[in-house]
Amino acid sequence: MHTKRIQQFEMFVCDDCREHFYDEEHGDDDQHIVPGTLVDDLPQTYRCPKCGAPKKNLRPVLSIGSTAW
């Protein structure tokens, strides 16, 4: 399911471990995600490489030190 974005985010943080950042511009080489892949377009099997949380736990980063949750 795709949700409409209010703001164009490019960086996301895992809400479980808060150690993994997913950058849409760079993708994720380790999980074979090509650069430019939007978080909404990640496969349902995508997991945080640090803690194993599902992609639904990725939260948009608004700026350094703050997140949208």
N, C-alpha and C. Protein backbone atom coordinates (compact mmCIF):
# COMPACT_ATOMS: atom_id res chain seq x y z
N MET A 1 0.83 -1.18 0.00
CA MET A 1 0.00 0.00 0.00
C MET A 1 0.88 1.24 0.00
N HIS A 2 0.59 2.16 -0.88
CA HIS A 2 1.33 3.41 -0.95
C HIS A 2 0.55 4.51 -0.26
N THR A 3 1.25 5.29 0.53
CA THR A 3 0.62 6.44 1.16
C THR A 3 1.18 7.70 0.53
N LYS A 4 0.35 8.72 0.43
CA LYS A 4 0.78 9.97 -0.17
C LYS A 4 1.67 10.72 0.82
N ARG A 5 2.78 11.21 0.35
CA ARG A 5 3.70 11.93 1.21
C ARG A 5 3.28 13.39 1.31
N ILE A 6 3.37 13.92 2.51
CA ILE A 6 3.13 15.34 2.73
C ILE A 6 4.40 16.11 2.38
N GLN A 7 5.52 15.56 2.71
CA GLN A 7 6.82 16.16 2.43
C GLN A 7 7.68 15.10 1.76
N GLN A 8 8.53 15.52 0.83
CA GLN A 8 9.41 14.58 0.15
C GLN A 8 10.60 14.27 1.06
N PHE A 9 10.56 13.09 1.71
CA PHE A 9 11.65 12.66 2.58
C PHE A 9 12.65 11.85 1.77
N GLU A 10 13.87 11.86 2.18
CA GLU A 10 14.89 11.07 1.52
C GLU A 10 15.66 10.18 2.48
N MET A 11 15.55 10.43 3.76
CA MET A 11 16.30 9.68 4.76
C MET A 11 15.32 9.15 5.81
N PHE A 12 15.51 7.87 6.18
CA PHE A 12 14.65 7.22 7.15
C PHE A 12 15.51 6.53 8.20
N VAL A 13 14.98 6.42 9.41
CA VAL A 13 15.69 5.76 10.50
C VAL A 13 14.81 4.62 11.02
N CYS A 14 15.45 3.54 11.42
CA CYS A 14 14.73 2.42 12.03
C CYS A 14 14.24 2.86 13.41
N ASP A 15 12.93 2.76 13.63
CA ASP A 15 12.33 3.19 14.89
C ASP A 15 12.63 2.21 16.03
N ASP A 16 13.06 1.00 15.71
CA ASP A 16 13.36 0.02 16.76
C ASP A 16 14.76 0.24 17.35
N CYS A 17 15.77 0.21 16.50
CA CYS A 17 17.15 0.31 17.00
C CYS A 17 17.71 1.73 16.91
N ARG A 18 17.15 2.53 16.01
CA ARG A 18 17.62 3.91 15.76
C ARG A 18 19.10 3.97 15.42
N GLU A 19 19.60 2.88 14.85
CA GLU A 19 21.00 2.83 14.42
C GLU A 19 21.13 2.74 12.91
N HIS A 20 20.06 2.29 12.24
CA HIS A 20 20.11 2.13 10.78
C HIS A 20 19.36 3.26 10.10
N PHE A 21 20.02 3.86 9.10
CA PHE A 21 19.40 4.90 8.29
C PHE A 21 19.29 4.39 6.87
N TYR A 22 18.11 4.53 6.28
CA TYR A 22 17.92 4.19 4.88
C TYR A 22 17.85 5.49 4.10
N ASP A 23 18.74 5.66 3.13
CA ASP A 23 18.82 6.85 2.29
C ASP A 23 18.31 6.49 0.90
N GLU A 24 17.18 7.06 0.51
CA GLU A 24 16.59 6.74 -0.79
C GLU A 24 17.54 7.06 -1.94
N GLU A 25 18.31 8.10 -1.79
CA GLU A 25 19.25 8.49 -2.85
C GLU A 25 20.31 7.42 -3.10
N HIS A 26 20.75 6.75 -2.04
CA HIS A 26 21.84 5.78 -2.16
C HIS A 26 21.39 4.32 -2.17
N GLY A 27 20.15 4.05 -1.76
CA GLY A 27 19.68 2.66 -1.72
C GLY A 27 20.36 1.87 -0.62
N ASP A 28 20.49 0.57 -0.83
CA ASP A 28 21.11 -0.31 0.17
C ASP A 28 21.83 -1.43 -0.58
N ASP A 29 23.11 -1.25 -0.81
CA ASP A 29 23.91 -2.24 -1.55
C ASP A 29 23.84 -3.63 -0.94
N ASP A 30 23.89 -3.70 0.39
CA ASP A 30 23.90 -4.99 1.07
C ASP A 30 22.63 -5.80 0.82
N GLN A 31 21.51 -5.10 0.57
CA GLN A 31 20.24 -5.80 0.32
C GLN A 31 19.80 -5.66 -1.14
N HIS A 32 20.74 -5.25 -1.99
CA HIS A 32 20.52 -5.15 -3.43
C HIS A 32 19.39 -4.18 -3.78
N ILE A 33 19.31 -3.07 -3.04
CA ILE A 33 18.33 -2.02 -3.32
C ILE A 33 19.07 -0.92 -4.07
N VAL A 34 18.63 -0.65 -5.29
CA VAL A 34 19.32 0.31 -6.16
C VAL A 34 19.09 1.75 -5.69
N PRO A 35 20.06 2.63 -5.94
CA PRO A 35 19.89 4.04 -5.61
C PRO A 35 18.63 4.60 -6.27
N GLY A 36 17.96 5.50 -5.55
CA GLY A 36 16.74 6.11 -6.06
C GLY A 36 15.47 5.36 -5.68
N THR A 37 15.60 4.23 -4.96
CA THR A 37 14.42 3.46 -4.56
C THR A 37 13.76 4.14 -3.36
N LEU A 38 12.50 4.55 -3.56
CA LEU A 38 11.75 5.18 -2.48
C LEU A 38 11.42 4.15 -1.40
N VAL A 39 11.31 4.58 -0.18
CA VAL A 39 11.02 3.67 0.92
C VAL A 39 9.68 2.96 0.67
N ASP A 40 8.72 3.63 0.04
CA ASP A 40 7.44 3.00 -0.27
C ASP A 40 7.59 1.85 -1.27
N ASP A 41 8.66 1.89 -2.05
CA ASP A 41 8.88 0.87 -3.07
C ASP A 41 9.81 -0.26 -2.63
N LEU A 42 10.27 -0.21 -1.38
CA LEU A 42 11.10 -1.31 -0.86
C LEU A 42 10.25 -2.58 -0.83
N PRO A 43 10.86 -3.73 -1.07
CA PRO A 43 10.08 -4.98 -1.01
C PRO A 43 9.57 -5.22 0.41
N GLN A 44 8.46 -5.94 0.52
CA GLN A 44 7.89 -6.25 1.84
C GLN A 44 8.86 -7.06 2.69
N THR A 45 9.82 -7.71 2.04
CA THR A 45 10.80 -8.53 2.76
C THR A 45 11.95 -7.70 3.33
N TYR A 46 12.00 -6.39 3.03
CA TYR A 46 13.09 -5.54 3.52
C TYR A 46 13.09 -5.53 5.04
N ARG A 47 14.27 -5.71 5.62
CA ARG A 47 14.46 -5.70 7.08
C ARG A 47 15.63 -4.80 7.43
N CYS A 48 15.56 -4.21 8.60
CA CYS A 48 16.67 -3.41 9.11
C CYS A 48 17.87 -4.34 9.26
N PRO A 49 19.01 -3.99 8.67
CA PRO A 49 20.18 -4.87 8.77
C PRO A 49 20.80 -4.90 10.18
N LYS A 50 20.43 -3.96 11.02
CA LYS A 50 20.98 -3.92 12.39
C LYS A 50 20.17 -4.78 13.36
N CYS A 51 18.82 -4.69 13.26
CA CYS A 51 17.99 -5.36 14.27
C CYS A 51 16.92 -6.29 13.68
N GLY A 52 16.74 -6.27 12.36
CA GLY A 52 15.78 -7.15 11.72
C GLY A 52 14.34 -6.65 11.69
N ALA A 53 14.11 -5.40 12.12
CA ALA A 53 12.76 -4.84 12.11
C ALA A 53 12.26 -4.71 10.67
N PRO A 54 10.94 -4.84 10.46
CA PRO A 54 10.38 -4.71 9.11
C PRO A 54 10.41 -3.27 8.62
N LYS A 55 10.24 -3.10 7.30
CA LYS A 55 10.32 -1.77 6.70
C LYS A 55 9.28 -0.81 7.25
N LYS A 56 8.15 -1.31 7.76
CA LYS A 56 7.13 -0.43 8.32
C LYS A 56 7.64 0.34 9.54
N ASN A 57 8.77 -0.09 10.10
CA ASN A 57 9.34 0.59 11.26
C ASN A 57 10.33 1.69 10.87
N LEU A 58 10.48 1.95 9.57
CA LEU A 58 11.32 3.06 9.14
C LEU A 58 10.53 4.35 9.26
N ARG A 59 11.11 5.35 9.90
CA ARG A 59 10.47 6.64 10.11
C ARG A 59 11.27 7.73 9.40
N PRO A 60 10.58 8.69 8.79
CA PRO A 60 11.28 9.76 8.08
C PRO A 60 12.05 10.66 9.04
N VAL A 61 13.24 11.04 8.61
CA VAL A 61 14.07 11.97 9.37
C VAL A 61 13.83 13.35 8.78
N LEU A 62 13.41 14.29 9.61
CA LEU A 62 13.14 15.64 9.14
C LEU A 62 14.40 16.48 9.10
N SER A 63 15.20 16.38 10.14
CA SER A 63 16.46 17.10 10.20
C SER A 63 17.32 16.44 11.25
N ILE A 64 18.56 16.85 11.36
CA ILE A 64 19.46 16.24 12.34
C ILE A 64 18.85 16.43 13.73
N GLY A 65 18.70 15.31 14.42
CA GLY A 65 18.18 15.35 15.77
C GLY A 65 16.68 15.27 15.91
N SER A 66 15.94 15.23 14.78
CA SER A 66 14.49 15.12 14.90
C SER A 66 13.95 14.13 13.87
N THR A 67 12.87 13.47 14.21
CA THR A 67 12.21 12.55 13.30
C THR A 67 10.72 12.80 13.34
N ALA A 68 10.02 12.33 12.32
CA ALA A 68 8.57 12.55 12.25
C ALA A 68 7.83 11.34 12.81
N TRP A 69 7.63 11.30 14.11
CA TRP A 69 6.79 10.26 14.70
C TRP A 69 6.06 10.79 15.88
